[in-house]
Amino acid sequence: MKKNNINLYEKICSFENLHLAYVKARKGKRYKNDILQFGAKPERNLLQLREELLRQSYQHGGYREFVVHDSKKRNIKAAPFRDRVVHHALCNVIEPIFDKGFIYDSYACRRKKGTQGAVLRMRKFLRGACVNNSENTEVLYVLKCDIAKYFDNVNHEILLCLIGKKINDEKVMWLVRMIVESTNKNIGKGIPIGNLTSQLFANVYLNELDQFVKHTLRKKRYIRYMDDFVVLGGDKRELARTKSLIGDFLQKELNLSLHPKKSLVQQTNNGIDFLGYVLFELFTLLRKSTVMRFVKRTKIYQNKLRHGLISQEELDAATVSWVAYAKHARSWMLRKSIGERFGDASLREAVALSPVPSSNQLIRVSDINVIT
């Protein structure tokens, strides 16, 4: 149901909100050229941006495109800094409207959620399913699904219709449409991975799936992190039926398709591969491919450091970030071995600050051989 939010646009365009958006947009990136240029005269630039928004003469700029290779190849589109300020200004005001309508178990790009929240919740579901197996089966199963090229296939008109159900301000909808159609307007689908607004829009879009799974299919043990989602159960055939129903819903309602190779029903005995971890009832391990990517990336970074292409601080930041991620799994021996292998001071220090685990934890660590 639509809210009475006629004055939303004025809140978005207020100088206070635009200044807050500017501070958020430059966080951790303030020394980049376009940010320095905008920040040389921030008040003047913010007032000009405000005037363009109020007059509805604002035009979204072009994108800088590049490719990153993480767990998979991703095409990133980066908007100009002034447009990123607008993205933050919009999300500051409308995100709370949508967020309170999301299900509890949607974890991507939300406050007090995130990867670790999803992992902990999955572990809780797994423990609860093992103790209270209502199907009275010895084996538990998990339906793991992934949506094929999700961001590339978000339909503009469906997205705008979903947003319009909550937003009753024509000027806000004008701005939302401006951002949605700032790329791929000619084909009518696709939102750029690099936009802050795309994170919110992606959650709005798949909230339709969340409501279907939770309230129509009535699945209690369901978790979604962006376009990756899982359902736990004790009946393999029922989960296969659930997969079919979800696939039909996505196709008919959202013009999306399940990934044919990444959507399947599996036993949980060998762990649940989810968000870079392998989850068991009593412990969590790192996915082998996650470790191998870190090792490969570290070798590349060290080579760049030797040739003066990056600073020691950049290498340290990447290392400490990964260690913080790895600490959530049983990985003490693995991190220690990697530290010895690379001789990296930051990683050795991070491991030294970690408490020495129990002998049980030392035994359960896997994948140490990937660094030999």
Protein backbone atom coordinates (compact mmCIF):
# COMPACT_ATOMS: atom_id res chain seq x y z
CA MET A 1 0.00 0.00 0.00
CA LYS A 2 1.25 3.46 -0.87
CA LYS A 3 2.21 5.82 1.90
CA ASN A 4 1.34 9.49 2.00
CA ASN A 5 4.83 10.62 1.07
CA ILE A 6 4.17 13.73 -1.03
CA ASN A 7 7.05 15.66 0.58
CA LEU A 8 9.73 13.01 0.03
CA TYR A 9 11.33 14.87 -2.85
CA GLU A 10 11.92 17.98 -0.73
CA LYS A 11 13.68 15.79 1.84
CA ILE A 12 15.88 14.27 -0.85
CA CYS A 13 16.80 17.72 -2.20
CA SER A 14 17.44 19.37 1.16
CA PHE A 15 20.94 20.73 1.55
CA GLU A 16 21.39 18.74 4.78
CA ASN A 17 20.58 15.48 3.04
CA LEU A 18 22.77 16.28 0.04
CA HIS A 19 25.68 17.16 2.33
CA LEU A 20 25.23 13.88 4.22
CA ALA A 21 25.14 12.08 0.87
CA TYR A 22 28.35 13.84 -0.17
CA VAL A 23 30.11 12.71 3.02
CA LYS A 24 28.94 9.11 2.52
CA ALA A 25 29.87 9.05 -1.16
CA ARG A 26 33.44 10.19 -0.55
CA LYS A 27 34.07 7.91 2.44
CA GLY A 28 37.29 5.98 1.93
CA LYS A 29 37.80 7.50 -1.53
CA ARG A 30 38.35 11.20 -0.89
CA TYR A 31 41.70 11.40 -2.72
CA LYS A 32 40.39 10.32 -6.12
CA ASN A 33 40.45 13.00 -8.80
CA ASP A 34 36.71 13.47 -9.36
CA ILE A 35 36.09 13.60 -5.61
CA LEU A 36 38.88 16.12 -5.09
CA GLN A 37 37.47 18.26 -7.88
CA PHE A 38 33.95 18.20 -6.41
CA GLY A 39 35.32 18.72 -2.90
CA ALA A 40 37.36 21.78 -3.86
CA LYS A 41 34.13 23.81 -3.64
CA PRO A 42 31.65 21.43 -2.03
CA GLU A 43 29.05 24.00 -0.96
CA ARG A 44 28.81 25.54 -4.41
CA ASN A 45 28.64 22.17 -6.12
CA LEU A 46 26.00 20.86 -3.71
CA LEU A 47 23.87 23.98 -4.15
CA GLN A 48 24.11 23.65 -7.92
CA LEU A 49 23.14 19.98 -7.72
CA ARG A 50 20.22 20.90 -5.44
CA GLU A 51 19.03 23.53 -7.89
CA GLU A 52 19.12 21.04 -10.78
CA LEU A 53 17.13 18.51 -8.75
CA LEU A 54 14.53 21.05 -7.65
CA ARG A 55 14.08 22.28 -11.23
CA GLN A 56 14.14 18.67 -12.49
CA SER A 57 16.83 19.68 -14.96
CA TYR A 58 19.26 17.14 -13.51
CA GLN A 59 20.72 14.70 -16.02
CA HIS A 60 22.59 11.53 -15.05
CA GLY A 61 26.16 11.32 -16.36
CA GLY A 62 27.84 8.53 -18.28
CA TYR A 63 29.48 5.53 -16.69
CA ARG A 64 33.08 4.41 -16.51
CA GLU A 65 33.14 0.69 -17.25
CA PHE A 66 35.69 -1.90 -16.15
CA VAL A 67 35.92 -5.61 -15.34
CA VAL A 68 36.82 -7.21 -12.01
CA HIS A 69 37.67 -10.86 -11.49
CA ASP A 70 36.63 -12.12 -8.08
CA SER A 71 34.66 -15.33 -7.69
CA LYS A 72 33.54 -14.65 -11.25
CA LYS A 73 33.97 -12.04 -13.97
CA ARG A 74 31.91 -8.93 -13.26
CA ASN A 75 31.29 -5.92 -15.47
CA ILE A 76 31.26 -2.85 -13.24
CA LYS A 77 29.82 0.53 -14.19
CA ALA A 78 30.95 3.46 -12.06
CA ALA A 79 28.89 6.63 -12.16
CA PRO A 80 30.48 10.11 -11.89
CA PHE A 81 30.90 11.33 -8.31
CA ARG A 82 28.12 13.94 -8.45
CA ASP A 83 25.69 11.21 -9.52
CA ARG A 84 26.86 9.01 -6.69
CA VAL A 85 25.96 11.86 -4.34
CA VAL A 86 22.45 11.82 -5.80
CA HIS A 87 22.27 8.04 -5.35
CA HIS A 88 23.12 8.40 -1.66
CA ALA A 89 20.67 11.27 -1.25
CA LEU A 90 17.87 9.15 -2.72
CA CYS A 91 18.70 6.06 -0.66
CA ASN A 92 18.98 8.09 2.57
CA VAL A 93 15.30 8.93 2.26
CA ILE A 94 13.57 6.01 0.54
CA GLU A 95 15.57 3.00 1.78
CA PRO A 96 13.89 2.99 5.24
CA ILE A 97 10.48 2.93 3.54
CA PHE A 98 11.32 -0.30 1.75
CA ASP A 99 13.56 -1.93 4.35
CA LYS A 100 10.84 -2.31 6.96
CA GLY A 101 8.82 -4.30 4.42
CA PHE A 102 11.63 -6.79 3.73
CA ILE A 103 11.63 -10.20 5.40
CA TYR A 104 14.00 -10.76 8.32
CA ASP A 105 16.08 -13.29 6.39
CA SER A 106 17.13 -11.03 3.53
CA TYR A 107 20.76 -10.21 4.34
CA ALA A 108 22.46 -8.34 1.48
CA CYS A 109 23.17 -4.60 1.71
CA ARG A 110 21.09 -4.02 4.84
CA ARG A 111 22.01 -2.53 8.19
CA LYS A 112 22.91 -5.06 10.89
CA LYS A 113 22.75 -7.89 8.34
CA GLY A 114 25.51 -8.77 5.87
CA THR A 115 27.49 -11.92 5.10
CA GLN A 116 28.25 -12.93 8.68
CA GLY A 117 24.65 -12.45 9.74
CA ALA A 118 23.50 -14.74 6.93
CA VAL A 119 26.10 -17.36 7.84
CA LEU A 120 25.15 -17.34 11.52
CA ARG A 121 21.47 -17.58 10.66
CA MET A 122 22.13 -20.50 8.31
CA ARG A 123 24.06 -22.28 11.06
CA LYS A 124 21.14 -21.69 13.44
CA PHE A 125 18.70 -23.10 10.88
CA LEU A 126 20.94 -26.11 10.35
CA ARG A 127 21.22 -26.85 14.07
CA GLY A 128 17.49 -26.43 14.54
CA ALA A 129 16.70 -28.67 11.59
CA CYS A 130 19.02 -31.38 12.93
CA VAL A 131 17.45 -31.29 16.41
CA ASN A 132 13.83 -30.81 15.36
CA ASN A 133 13.60 -32.67 12.08
CA SER A 134 9.84 -32.56 11.50
CA GLU A 135 10.16 -34.91 8.53
CA ASN A 136 11.77 -37.58 10.78
CA THR A 137 14.48 -38.31 8.23
CA GLU A 138 18.10 -39.16 8.88
CA VAL A 139 19.32 -36.95 6.04
CA LEU A 140 18.78 -33.22 5.64
CA TYR A 141 18.77 -31.51 2.27
CA VAL A 142 19.34 -27.98 1.08
CA LEU A 143 17.99 -26.30 -2.03
CA LYS A 144 20.66 -23.87 -3.24
CA CYS A 145 19.67 -21.44 -5.97
CA ASP A 146 21.31 -18.71 -8.00
CA ILE A 147 19.62 -16.42 -10.51
CA ALA A 148 21.17 -16.33 -13.97
CA LYS A 149 22.78 -12.92 -14.67
CA TYR A 150 20.55 -11.25 -12.13
CA PHE A 151 21.61 -7.59 -12.38
CA ASP A 152 21.66 -7.79 -16.18
CA ASN A 153 18.07 -9.03 -16.29
CA VAL A 154 16.23 -6.76 -13.86
CA ASN A 155 13.31 -5.45 -15.93
CA HIS A 156 13.03 -1.65 -15.74
CA GLU A 157 9.25 -1.39 -15.95
CA ILE A 158 8.64 -4.17 -13.42
CA LEU A 159 11.12 -2.52 -11.05
CA LEU A 160 9.54 0.91 -11.44
CA CYS A 161 6.10 -0.59 -10.85
CA LEU A 162 7.29 -2.23 -7.62
CA ILE A 163 8.88 0.99 -6.40
CA GLY A 164 5.77 2.94 -7.35
CA LYS A 165 3.68 0.77 -5.01
CA LYS A 166 5.44 2.43 -2.06
CA ILE A 167 6.34 5.87 -3.42
CA ASN A 168 3.51 8.33 -3.97
CA ASP A 169 5.65 11.29 -5.08
CA GLU A 170 5.83 11.88 -8.82
CA LYS A 171 9.08 13.82 -8.57
CA VAL A 172 10.76 11.01 -6.64
CA MET A 173 9.58 8.56 -9.29
CA TRP A 174 11.00 10.89 -11.97
CA LEU A 175 14.39 10.71 -10.25
CA VAL A 176 14.17 6.95 -9.74
CA ARG A 177 13.36 6.46 -13.43
CA MET A 178 16.27 8.75 -14.36
CA ILE A 179 18.66 6.50 -12.42
CA VAL A 180 17.12 3.19 -13.53
CA GLU A 181 17.26 4.23 -17.19
CA SER A 182 20.73 5.78 -16.94
CA THR A 183 22.00 2.58 -18.54
CA ASN A 184 20.46 0.03 -20.94
CA LYS A 185 17.40 2.19 -21.58
CA ASN A 186 17.25 0.89 -25.14
CA ILE A 187 16.77 -2.73 -24.02
CA GLY A 188 14.70 -1.95 -20.93
CA LYS A 189 16.55 -4.19 -18.50
CA GLY A 190 19.72 -4.29 -16.43
CA ILE A 191 20.97 -2.21 -13.50
CA PRO A 192 24.67 -1.46 -12.92
CA ILE A 193 26.41 -3.42 -10.17
CA GLY A 194 28.47 -0.37 -9.18
CA ASN A 195 25.52 1.84 -8.12
CA LEU A 196 24.43 2.15 -4.49
CA THR A 197 20.85 2.44 -5.75
CA SER A 198 21.20 -0.90 -7.54
CA GLN A 199 21.67 -2.63 -4.18
CA LEU A 200 18.38 -1.22 -2.92
CA PHE A 201 16.58 -1.81 -6.23
CA ALA A 202 17.84 -5.40 -6.32
CA ASN A 203 16.38 -6.05 -2.86
CA VAL A 204 13.07 -4.41 -3.81
CA TYR A 205 12.88 -6.62 -6.90
CA LEU A 206 13.59 -9.92 -5.12
CA ASN A 207 11.44 -9.03 -2.13
CA GLU A 208 8.65 -10.36 -4.34
CA LEU A 209 10.39 -13.75 -4.31
CA ASP A 210 10.94 -13.55 -0.53
CA GLN A 211 7.24 -12.94 0.09
CA PHE A 212 6.31 -15.81 -2.22
CA VAL A 213 8.63 -18.30 -0.53
CA LYS A 214 7.77 -17.25 3.03
CA HIS A 215 4.03 -16.66 2.76
CA THR A 216 2.82 -18.71 -0.21
CA LEU A 217 5.17 -21.69 -0.03
CA ARG A 218 5.49 -21.22 3.76
CA LYS A 219 9.15 -22.15 3.96
CA LYS A 220 10.54 -21.33 7.40
CA ARG A 221 14.21 -22.07 6.78
CA TYR A 222 14.86 -19.75 3.86
CA ILE A 223 17.70 -17.23 3.55
CA ARG A 224 18.56 -14.89 0.69
CA TYR A 225 21.74 -12.92 0.12
CA MET A 226 21.15 -10.87 -3.05
CA ASP A 227 20.55 -13.46 -5.82
CA ASP A 228 21.86 -16.45 -3.81
CA PHE A 229 19.27 -18.18 -1.66
CA VAL A 230 18.82 -21.45 0.20
CA VAL A 231 15.95 -23.51 1.63
CA LEU A 232 16.52 -26.27 4.20
CA GLY A 233 14.31 -29.36 4.45
CA GLY A 234 14.18 -33.09 5.08
CA ASP A 235 12.26 -34.11 1.96
CA LYS A 236 14.30 -34.14 -1.24
CA ARG A 237 11.25 -34.42 -3.51
CA GLU A 238 9.52 -31.52 -1.76
CA LEU A 239 12.59 -29.31 -2.23
CA ALA A 240 12.71 -30.29 -5.91
CA ARG A 241 9.06 -29.24 -6.17
CA THR A 242 9.92 -25.99 -4.37
CA LYS A 243 12.65 -25.32 -6.90
CA SER A 244 10.19 -25.82 -9.76
CA LEU A 245 7.62 -23.47 -8.18
CA ILE A 246 10.28 -20.81 -7.56
CA GLY A 247 11.51 -21.11 -11.13
CA ASP A 248 7.97 -20.64 -12.47
CA PHE A 249 7.36 -17.64 -10.21
CA LEU A 250 10.58 -15.93 -11.24
CA GLN A 251 9.85 -16.42 -14.92
CA LYS A 252 6.22 -15.29 -14.82
CA GLU A 253 6.44 -12.43 -12.31
CA LEU A 254 9.98 -11.04 -12.64
CA ASN A 255 11.27 -12.21 -16.04
CA LEU A 256 14.16 -14.02 -14.35
CA SER A 257 15.55 -17.55 -14.59
CA LEU A 258 17.31 -19.85 -12.18
CA HIS A 259 20.91 -20.64 -13.08
CA PRO A 260 20.73 -24.15 -14.60
CA LYS A 261 24.02 -25.36 -13.07
CA LYS A 262 23.92 -23.54 -9.72
CA SER A 263 20.39 -24.38 -8.64
CA LEU A 264 20.17 -27.84 -7.13
CA VAL A 265 19.14 -29.97 -4.15
CA GLN A 266 21.97 -31.51 -2.11
CA GLN A 267 22.51 -33.37 1.14
CA THR A 268 23.89 -31.28 4.00
CA ASN A 269 26.25 -34.01 5.24
CA ASN A 270 29.19 -32.56 3.32
CA GLY A 271 28.40 -29.00 4.34
CA ILE A 272 26.47 -26.20 2.71
CA ASP A 273 28.48 -24.10 0.27
CA PHE A 274 27.23 -20.58 1.00
CA LEU A 275 28.82 -17.11 0.68
CA GLY A 276 32.40 -18.33 0.50
CA TYR A 277 32.11 -20.72 3.45
CA VAL A 278 31.21 -24.37 3.90
CA LEU A 279 28.71 -24.58 6.76
CA PHE A 280 28.25 -27.54 9.08
CA GLU A 281 26.04 -27.94 12.14
CA LEU A 282 28.90 -27.37 14.61
CA PHE A 283 31.55 -25.45 12.67
CA THR A 284 32.36 -23.44 9.55
CA LEU A 285 35.19 -23.89 7.06
CA LEU A 286 36.47 -21.69 4.27
CA ARG A 287 35.63 -22.71 0.73
CA LYS A 288 38.77 -23.97 -1.02
CA SER A 289 38.25 -21.68 -4.02
CA THR A 290 38.05 -18.69 -1.65
CA VAL A 291 41.45 -19.54 -0.19
CA MET A 292 42.99 -20.14 -3.60
CA ARG A 293 41.76 -16.76 -4.87
CA PHE A 294 43.34 -15.04 -1.88
CA VAL A 295 46.64 -16.84 -2.42
CA LYS A 296 46.64 -15.94 -6.12
CA ARG A 297 45.69 -12.32 -5.43
CA THR A 298 48.37 -11.99 -2.75
CA LYS A 299 51.04 -13.17 -5.19
CA ILE A 300 49.85 -10.58 -7.72
CA TYR A 301 49.83 -7.81 -5.09
CA GLN A 302 53.31 -8.69 -3.88
CA ASN A 303 54.59 -8.58 -7.46
CA LYS A 304 52.96 -5.15 -7.93
CA LEU A 305 54.53 -3.98 -4.68
CA ARG A 306 58.00 -5.00 -5.88
CA HIS A 307 57.47 -2.97 -9.06
CA GLY A 308 56.11 0.04 -7.20
CA LEU A 309 52.60 -0.28 -8.64
CA ILE A 310 50.89 -0.37 -5.23
CA SER A 311 51.89 0.72 -1.73
CA GLN A 312 52.57 -1.46 1.30
CA GLU A 313 49.49 0.09 2.89
CA GLU A 314 47.29 -1.20 0.04
CA LEU A 315 48.72 -4.69 0.39
CA ASP A 316 48.25 -4.56 4.16
CA ALA A 317 44.64 -3.41 3.80
CA ALA A 318 43.81 -6.29 1.44
CA THR A 319 45.48 -8.80 3.74
CA VAL A 320 43.84 -7.58 6.94
CA SER A 321 40.45 -7.53 5.21
CA TRP A 322 40.79 -11.17 4.18
CA VAL A 323 42.00 -12.21 7.64
CA ALA A 324 38.94 -10.55 9.19
CA TYR A 325 36.79 -12.60 6.79
CA ALA A 326 38.69 -15.84 7.42
CA LYS A 327 38.50 -15.52 11.21
CA HIS A 328 34.82 -16.41 11.07
CA ALA A 329 35.77 -19.94 10.01
CA ARG A 330 38.08 -22.54 11.48
CA SER A 331 41.17 -21.27 9.75
CA TRP A 332 43.84 -20.56 12.38
CA MET A 333 46.34 -23.09 11.05
CA LEU A 334 45.55 -22.10 7.48
CA ARG A 335 46.19 -18.41 8.18
CA LYS A 336 49.37 -19.28 10.05
CA SER A 337 50.60 -21.37 7.12
CA ILE A 338 49.80 -18.61 4.62
CA GLY A 339 51.65 -16.09 6.79
CA GLU A 340 54.72 -18.33 6.84
CA ARG A 341 54.43 -18.98 3.11
CA PHE A 342 54.35 -15.32 2.10
CA GLY A 343 56.24 -13.80 4.98
CA ASP A 344 53.68 -11.01 5.08
CA ALA A 345 53.99 -8.92 8.24
CA SER A 346 50.34 -7.84 8.33
CA LEU A 347 49.04 -11.38 8.07
CA ARG A 348 51.51 -12.71 10.65
CA GLU A 349 50.49 -9.95 13.02
CA ALA A 350 46.79 -10.64 12.49
CA VAL A 351 47.30 -14.33 13.23
CA ALA A 352 49.38 -13.51 16.30
CA LEU A 353 46.52 -11.41 17.66
CA SER A 354 44.10 -14.31 17.24
CA PRO A 355 43.68 -16.67 20.21
CA VAL A 356 45.23 -20.09 19.70
CA PRO A 357 42.32 -22.45 19.00
CA SER A 358 41.55 -25.70 20.76
CA SER A 359 43.00 -28.96 19.47
CA ASN A 360 39.59 -29.81 18.02
CA GLN A 361 39.69 -26.67 15.88
CA LEU A 362 43.20 -27.47 14.71
CA ILE A 363 42.07 -30.86 13.49
CA ARG A 364 39.04 -29.60 11.60
CA VAL A 365 40.84 -27.00 9.47
CA SER A 366 40.96 -27.92 5.77
CA ASP A 367 42.65 -26.89 2.53
CA ILE A 368 46.09 -26.10 3.96
CA ASN A 369 47.61 -27.99 1.00
CA VAL A 370 46.46 -25.29 -1.45
CA ILE A 371 49.43 -23.08 -0.53
CA THR A 372 52.15 -25.69 -0.93
